[in-house]
Amino acid sequence: MGDVDGYRVHVVGPDLDAVAGFDPRALIGEADALPADGVVGTKDRSALLAALVARRRGLPGPTPEALLACQHKPTSRGLQAAVAPEATPRFARLDGEVPPFPPPYFVKPVVGRLSQDTRRVDDPLELAELDGWDAYREGYAAIAELAGFPRGEVGGYLAEELRSGMEVTLEGYVHGGRVTVIGVTDSVMYPGTNSFERFEYPTRLPRSRRDELAALTERVLPALGFDGGFFNVEFVVPEREQVTLIEVNGRIASQFAPLVRAVHGRSTYEALFALACGDDPAWTPREPEGVAISYVLRRFEDAFVEAVPEPEDDLEILVRPGLRLSEQGTNDAESFRLAIVYGSGETREEALARCRERVAGLSFRLREPAPARRP
């Protein structure tokens, strides 16, 4: 328990993304025993669990059905295509057959976290390598079943038509059916990869493109039945062509919260808690002051972690000693996350230079190659 942005916060249970197994009914029971005016979750599984708790207790917040409509990608894509067909790529659930459109495909789990197990597929023969189930989806299925969602719908993969362009994320919230946009953040990849190097706020996009993204968002969120919560929507924005909607996340973009605070002077968590209590956060759009960056330090080969730096202000350490990087759940299809550094400056170049200088001074001790796991 502690105070955050003027709200008293009770934390229930572990970080659901950091444990192999958990009992969702026990976590709901633990939450039921606490006095509360609102309930929130900041990741996909915890957000769905929070929606179930809120419904049981008659508290404000998105419905479990709306969260499932965001998180279950075939459902979400179908609803998006109905209201924004021009921004929805061709897609197909992979049920043992090749998609009805040519490669390359972008393939992602039907339900997943971050960018884990997502990949580009250039040859349909590569589809045979997908297994469609893991510990994350097992835990998700246990929560989704409490909302009446069939367990079998959680496994498998979705293939989507590959589109290229600049990747950005629009964050905002819905209160009383009205969509409020907080801002747009740029995603920058490590050169030649699909792994995020950094996130820059605010975006480089011109006003016309930002207005286009906002208009699409205002069509899609109501179609998903989403209200009373924070969301973030990922887009691909080519230089001139039609933008493409990547996915809708029915939760706060927690990694962007320090960026928004740095340039706006207000926390999105404070707005999230107000919303969870049924209040209008009354976010007033205004021009940001400066630029803030979330920089992700990654490795592209496995290694055994012997020592890591101590966490500090504006520094998150994502791995711990005694395990290989591949055993720590911080990997995407190409790389392993080690740490996140936050920095800001009056210009984009100044903010990036500060982040890279700090990253260069981090003392991780990694042994290569990673030793084989004992049987």
Foldseek 3Di string as FASTA:
>chain_A
DDDDPRDRDDDFDDDLLQDLDDQLVVSLVVVVVDDDLFFADFFLLRRLSRLVSCVVVVFFFWHNQLSCCFFQVVNVLVLLCVFPVVQRFDKDFCDPDDDPDADQWWKDASGDGDQAPIDTDHDSVCVVVDDFDDSSLVRSLSSVVVVVDDSVSRTGMMIGHDDAAWKKKWKFAAAPLDTDTLAMKTFDCDPPDPHTFKIKPHDPDDPVVVVVVVVSVSRSSVSSVGHLAMKMWMWGDHPDDDIHTDGIHGRGPVLCQVFSCVFPVDGVVSQGSCSRSNHHSPDDDDDTQFMKMKGWDKDQAKWAWADWDDADVQKAAQDHHDGIQVPRSQDHPGIGTGMIGMATDRYPVVRVVVRVVVVVPTDTDTHPPHDDDDD
